[in-house]
């Protein structure tokens, strides 16, 4: 059933750690020319406990199963030996599930000797680099790598080939309440919606706004306007003796969106004033400083 396998001389992995285990430009390339592809019974395979993907879309699996029936499994799974004659899937669980739907008894795989840590890195990177995880699963995968390997945001960004700001922005959505996070996982709320909701410090309001987004199918821009109106109403009357200048309000909103954090601008009649950037962690402070052209690692 194996078709269209890549041909040509395999590159030798350079360096150590993840780069040697799973080259960043091709997560399915072998780390050694001695590795061979085996056909393993599908019922001898078990999922990876560190699989970052929580949901497998049934229609997407059905489409993949149809493709597998027609063309076979083009890319082999990466697995490692488990107990009782079983093999744990390190990368390729979606193909394994689709192959079962397609009625396959065997599936091509490359067996590697991997530690738990190596298996975790490959499982997460294989999904994240393909960019087919929802924002919450991606954030939880980043968080798992940081906690398991004590990575800083900067080191993690280099390991998986992502921008550091993207790493930090994803991790920020883990601060949202569980009901909101579940809507993100179900892809009823986008990453843009999530980032905008973070500008609201009041949990009941976050929950109410998330329901409103889904019910009214609000765009991110529409949500931003609602959040800005909410924030304006929360300001003490004495702090705002008169309406804020429209240009200042626009700048405040634009900067909040640009920096992915709450920004407040207070301007006096003589032109003086202050600009405040709000942050909730050392990592977020480091991200803001980096965005302003000053690099420092507070993690």
Protein backbone atom coordinates (compact mmCIF):
# COMPACT_ATOMS: atom_id res chain seq x y z
CA UNK A 1 0.00 0.00 0.00
CA UNK A 2 2.96 2.31 0.27
CA UNK A 3 3.18 4.61 -2.72
CA UNK A 4 5.07 7.69 -3.82
CA UNK A 5 7.71 7.43 -1.10
CA UNK A 6 10.29 10.20 -1.35
CA UNK A 7 13.37 9.19 -3.33
CA UNK A 8 16.91 10.47 -3.43
CA UNK A 9 19.71 10.58 -0.93
CA UNK A 10 18.57 11.21 2.64
CA UNK A 11 20.28 14.05 4.43
CA UNK A 12 22.24 13.30 7.57
CA UNK A 13 20.78 15.09 10.61
CA UNK A 14 23.08 17.70 12.06
CA UNK A 15 23.40 18.76 15.66
CA UNK A 16 21.69 17.18 18.61
CA UNK A 17 18.29 17.00 20.25
CA UNK A 18 15.23 17.80 18.18
CA UNK A 19 17.14 18.81 15.07
CA UNK A 20 18.74 15.38 14.92
CA UNK A 21 15.52 13.57 15.70
CA UNK A 22 13.16 15.39 13.41
CA UNK A 23 14.58 17.89 10.88
CA UNK A 24 12.58 21.10 11.01
CA UNK A 25 12.04 21.22 7.24
CA UNK A 26 10.74 17.64 6.99
CA UNK A 27 9.28 15.91 10.07
CA UNK A 28 9.12 12.58 8.29
CA UNK A 29 12.71 12.34 7.12
CA UNK A 30 14.76 9.63 8.78
CA UNK A 31 17.61 10.56 11.06
CA UNK A 32 19.65 7.68 9.67
CA UNK A 33 20.00 6.09 6.25
CA UNK A 34 19.85 2.71 8.06
CA UNK A 35 16.23 3.20 9.07
CA UNK A 36 13.81 1.05 7.12
CA UNK A 37 10.08 1.21 6.61
CA UNK A 38 8.07 -1.63 8.12
CA UNK A 39 4.44 -2.59 7.71
CA UNK A 40 2.81 -2.85 11.13
CA UNK A 41 -0.68 -4.11 11.93
CA UNK A 42 -2.98 -1.22 12.75
CA UNK A 43 -4.26 -2.97 15.88
CA UNK A 44 -0.68 -3.19 17.17
CA UNK A 45 -0.44 0.59 17.30
CA UNK A 46 -1.48 2.74 20.28
CA UNK A 47 -1.84 6.56 20.47
CA UNK A 48 0.79 8.83 21.99
CA UNK A 49 -0.13 10.08 25.46
CA UNK A 50 1.47 13.41 24.52
CA UNK A 51 -0.57 13.86 21.36
CA UNK A 52 -1.36 17.61 21.34
CA UNK A 53 -4.40 17.23 19.08
CA UNK A 54 -7.45 16.75 21.29
CA UNK A 55 -10.10 16.59 18.57
CA UNK A 56 -10.10 14.69 15.29
CA UNK A 57 -12.67 16.08 12.87
CA UNK A 58 -14.78 13.20 11.55
CA UNK A 59 -15.29 14.69 8.10
CA UNK A 60 -11.60 15.43 7.75
CA UNK A 61 -10.75 11.85 8.74
CA UNK A 62 -13.30 10.53 6.24
CA UNK A 63 -11.73 12.62 3.48
CA UNK A 64 -8.27 11.36 4.38
CA UNK A 65 -9.55 7.77 4.48
CA UNK A 66 -10.89 8.21 0.96
CA UNK A 67 -7.52 9.48 -0.20
CA UNK A 68 -5.74 6.56 1.50
CA UNK A 69 -8.06 4.07 -0.21
CA UNK A 70 -7.09 5.55 -3.55
CA UNK A 71 -3.39 6.27 -3.10
CA UNK A 72 -2.29 4.36 -0.02
CA UNK A 73 -0.42 5.84 2.94
CA UNK A 74 2.15 8.10 1.27
CA UNK A 75 4.10 9.05 4.41
CA UNK A 76 5.02 6.44 7.02
CA UNK A 77 4.25 6.90 10.68
CA UNK A 78 7.02 7.36 13.22
CA UNK A 79 6.59 4.92 16.11
CA UNK A 80 8.51 3.49 19.05
CA UNK A 81 8.30 0.12 20.73
CA UNK A 82 5.84 -0.17 23.62
CA UNK A 83 4.97 -3.04 25.93
CA UNK A 84 3.35 -6.35 24.99
CA UNK A 85 4.36 -6.20 21.35
CA UNK A 86 2.66 -2.86 20.78
CA UNK A 87 4.05 0.27 19.13
CA UNK A 88 3.32 3.82 20.31
CA UNK A 89 2.59 6.36 17.61
CA UNK A 90 4.98 9.30 17.83
CA UNK A 91 3.85 11.07 14.66
CA UNK A 92 0.99 10.20 12.34
CA UNK A 93 -2.00 9.35 14.54
CA UNK A 94 -4.40 11.02 12.10
CA UNK A 95 -3.15 8.76 9.26
CA UNK A 96 -3.49 5.74 11.54
CA UNK A 97 -7.09 6.59 12.36
CA UNK A 98 -7.92 7.20 8.71
CA UNK A 99 -6.26 3.93 7.67
CA UNK A 100 -8.53 2.07 10.09
CA UNK A 101 -11.57 3.77 8.56
CA UNK A 102 -10.28 2.79 5.11
CA UNK A 103 -10.12 -0.83 6.24
CA UNK A 104 -6.34 -1.27 6.13
CA UNK A 105 -4.83 -4.10 8.16
CA UNK A 106 -1.24 -2.81 7.93
CA UNK A 107 0.35 0.62 7.73
CA UNK A 108 3.93 1.72 6.89
CA UNK A 109 5.98 3.00 9.80
CA UNK A 110 9.53 3.79 10.86
CA UNK A 111 10.45 2.40 14.27
CA UNK A 112 12.81 4.56 16.33
CA UNK A 113 14.35 4.26 19.75
CA UNK A 114 13.12 7.39 21.51
CA UNK A 115 12.92 8.56 25.10
CA UNK A 116 9.72 10.01 26.54
CA UNK A 117 11.16 13.51 26.13
CA UNK A 118 12.12 12.94 22.50
CA UNK A 119 8.73 11.42 21.75
CA UNK A 120 7.01 14.44 23.28
CA UNK A 121 9.02 16.92 21.23
CA UNK A 122 8.39 15.12 17.96
CA UNK A 123 4.67 14.64 18.63
CA UNK A 124 4.18 18.32 19.39
CA UNK A 125 6.42 19.75 16.68
CA UNK A 126 4.96 17.48 14.01
CA UNK A 127 1.52 18.96 14.66
CA UNK A 128 2.52 22.55 15.35
CA UNK A 129 4.73 22.89 12.28
CA UNK A 130 1.91 21.67 10.06
CA UNK A 131 -0.23 24.52 11.45
CA UNK A 132 -3.37 22.38 11.51
CA UNK A 133 -3.98 22.56 15.26
CA UNK A 134 -6.56 24.93 16.70
CA UNK A 135 -5.09 27.87 18.69
CA UNK A 136 -5.82 26.31 22.09
CA UNK A 137 -4.23 22.94 21.29
CA UNK A 138 -1.24 24.86 19.95
CA UNK A 139 -1.03 26.94 23.14
CA UNK A 140 -1.25 23.85 25.35
CA UNK A 141 1.44 22.15 23.26
CA UNK A 142 3.75 25.16 23.71
CA UNK A 143 3.01 25.19 27.43
CA UNK A 144 3.80 21.49 27.72
CA UNK A 145 7.15 21.93 25.97
CA UNK A 146 8.06 24.89 28.19
CA UNK A 147 7.20 23.05 31.41
CA UNK A 148 8.68 19.72 30.33
CA UNK A 149 11.96 21.06 28.96
CA UNK A 150 12.24 24.41 30.82
CA UNK A 151 12.38 26.31 27.53
CA UNK A 152 12.17 30.09 27.41
CA UNK A 153 9.84 31.55 24.80
CA UNK A 154 12.84 32.52 22.71
CA UNK A 155 14.39 29.05 22.79
CA UNK A 156 11.06 27.41 21.97
CA UNK A 157 10.55 29.78 19.05
CA UNK A 158 13.91 28.72 17.61
CA UNK A 159 13.24 25.02 18.18
CA UNK A 160 10.00 24.99 16.23
CA UNK A 161 10.69 27.79 13.77
CA UNK A 162 8.03 30.21 15.01
CA UNK A 163 8.12 33.88 15.92
CA UNK A 164 8.55 34.52 19.64
CA UNK A 165 5.60 36.91 19.67
CA UNK A 166 3.39 34.17 18.25
CA UNK A 167 4.50 31.84 21.04
CA UNK A 168 3.70 34.40 23.73
CA UNK A 169 0.35 35.37 22.21
CA UNK A 170 -0.74 31.74 22.09
CA UNK A 171 0.28 31.14 25.71
CA UNK A 172 -1.71 34.18 26.84
CA UNK A 173 -5.01 32.57 25.81
CA UNK A 174 -4.46 29.88 28.46
CA UNK A 175 -5.49 32.58 30.98
CA UNK A 176 -9.02 32.63 29.58
CA UNK A 177 -11.79 30.78 31.51
CA UNK A 178 -12.40 27.14 30.61
CA UNK A 179 -15.74 27.68 28.80
CA UNK A 180 -14.09 30.24 26.50
CA UNK A 181 -11.11 27.96 25.90
CA UNK A 182 -13.46 25.14 24.91
CA UNK A 183 -15.10 27.39 22.31
CA UNK A 184 -11.63 28.09 20.91
CA UNK A 185 -10.85 24.37 20.82
CA UNK A 186 -14.10 23.78 18.94
CA UNK A 187 -13.04 26.57 16.55
CA UNK A 188 -16.13 28.66 17.28
CA UNK A 189 -13.83 31.46 18.46
CA UNK A 190 -10.73 32.53 16.53
CA UNK A 191 -7.30 33.50 17.79
CA UNK A 192 -8.24 37.14 17.11
CA UNK A 193 -11.37 36.82 19.26
CA UNK A 194 -9.33 35.24 22.05
CA UNK A 195 -6.71 37.99 22.06
CA UNK A 196 -9.41 40.66 22.17
CA UNK A 197 -11.21 38.98 25.07
CA UNK A 198 -7.95 39.09 27.04
CA UNK A 199 -8.30 42.89 27.15
CA UNK A 200 -11.30 42.37 29.47
CA UNK A 201 -10.33 41.65 33.08
CA UNK A 202 -13.85 40.75 34.24
CA UNK A 203 -14.51 36.98 33.91
CA UNK A 204 -18.36 37.17 33.68
CA UNK A 205 -17.97 39.76 30.93
CA UNK A 206 -15.55 37.50 29.05
CA UNK A 207 -18.08 34.68 29.22
CA UNK A 208 -20.95 36.92 28.11
CA UNK A 209 -18.93 38.31 25.21
CA UNK A 210 -17.88 34.85 24.05
CA UNK A 211 -21.54 33.82 23.87
CA UNK A 212 -22.37 37.00 22.00
CA UNK A 213 -19.60 36.36 19.46
CA UNK A 214 -21.05 32.95 18.63
CA UNK A 215 -24.70 33.98 18.66
CA UNK A 216 -24.18 37.08 16.51
CA UNK A 217 -21.22 35.76 14.53
CA UNK A 218 -19.23 38.86 15.43
CA UNK A 219 -16.04 39.65 13.55
CA UNK A 220 -12.88 40.51 15.47
CA UNK A 221 -13.29 44.17 14.55
CA UNK A 222 -16.86 44.23 15.86
CA UNK A 223 -15.71 42.62 19.10
CA UNK A 224 -12.91 45.17 19.46
CA UNK A 225 -15.43 48.02 19.28
CA UNK A 226 -17.63 46.35 21.91
CA UNK A 227 -14.65 45.78 24.21
CA UNK A 228 -13.48 49.37 23.81
CA UNK A 229 -16.97 50.66 24.69
CA UNK A 230 -17.00 48.39 27.73
CA UNK A 231 -13.62 49.67 28.88
CA UNK A 232 -14.68 53.28 28.39
CA UNK A 233 -17.72 52.71 30.61
CA UNK A 234 -15.59 51.20 33.37
CA UNK A 235 -13.43 54.32 33.75
CA UNK A 236 -14.22 56.46 36.83
CA UNK A 237 -16.15 59.59 36.01
CA UNK A 238 -13.58 61.82 37.71
CA UNK A 239 -10.83 60.42 35.53
CA UNK A 240 -12.73 61.42 32.42
CA UNK A 241 -14.26 64.87 32.94
CA UNK A 242 -14.90 65.03 29.22
CA UNK A 243 -15.07 62.64 26.33
CA UNK A 244 -11.71 61.43 25.07
CA UNK A 245 -10.55 62.92 21.81
CA UNK A 246 -11.57 60.57 18.95
CA UNK A 247 -8.03 60.60 17.58
CA UNK A 248 -6.65 59.57 20.99
CA UNK A 249 -9.24 56.80 21.31
CA UNK A 250 -8.38 55.51 17.85
CA UNK A 251 -4.68 55.53 18.69
CA UNK A 252 -5.34 53.73 21.98
CA UNK A 253 -7.35 51.00 20.23
CA UNK A 254 -4.84 50.66 17.40
CA UNK A 255 -1.91 50.33 19.81
CA UNK A 256 -3.80 47.75 21.89
CA UNK A 257 -4.39 45.68 18.77
CA UNK A 258 -0.83 46.16 17.49
CA UNK A 259 0.83 45.21 20.78
CA UNK A 260 -1.77 42.55 21.74
CA UNK A 261 -2.24 44.05 25.19
CA UNK A 262 -4.28 46.75 26.92
CA UNK A 263 -3.01 50.27 26.19
CA UNK A 264 -4.30 53.44 27.84
CA UNK A 265 -3.51 56.97 26.71
CA UNK A 266 -4.07 59.98 28.97
CA UNK A 267 -3.52 63.38 27.43
CA UNK A 268 -3.75 66.81 29.09
CA UNK A 269 -4.87 70.04 27.40
CA UNK A 270 -1.27 71.27 27.21
CA UNK A 271 -0.30 68.21 25.14
CA UNK A 272 1.48 66.34 27.93
CA UNK A 273 0.26 63.03 29.30
CA UNK A 274 1.20 59.42 29.70
CA UNK A 275 0.96 56.17 27.74
CA UNK A 276 0.45 52.97 29.75
CA UNK A 277 1.14 49.43 28.54
CA UNK A 278 -0.42 46.71 30.68
CA UNK A 279 1.13 43.28 31.18
CA UNK A 280 0.44 40.28 33.40
CA UNK A 281 3.70 38.34 33.44
CA UNK A 282 7.45 38.66 32.92
CA UNK A 283 7.10 36.89 29.59
CA UNK A 284 4.55 39.44 28.42
CA UNK A 285 6.76 42.29 29.61
CA UNK A 286 9.68 40.80 27.65
CA UNK A 287 7.48 40.56 24.56
CA UNK A 288 6.42 44.20 24.84
CA UNK A 289 9.99 45.38 25.34
CA UNK A 290 11.06 43.38 22.33
CA UNK A 291 8.27 44.93 20.26
CA UNK A 292 9.57 48.35 21.34
CA UNK A 293 13.07 47.47 20.18
CA UNK A 294 14.50 46.51 23.58
CA UNK A 295 15.38 42.84 24.06
CA UNK A 296 15.54 41.33 27.54
CA UNK A 297 14.65 37.87 28.82
CA UNK A 298 12.67 37.90 32.08
CA UNK A 299 11.66 34.24 32.01
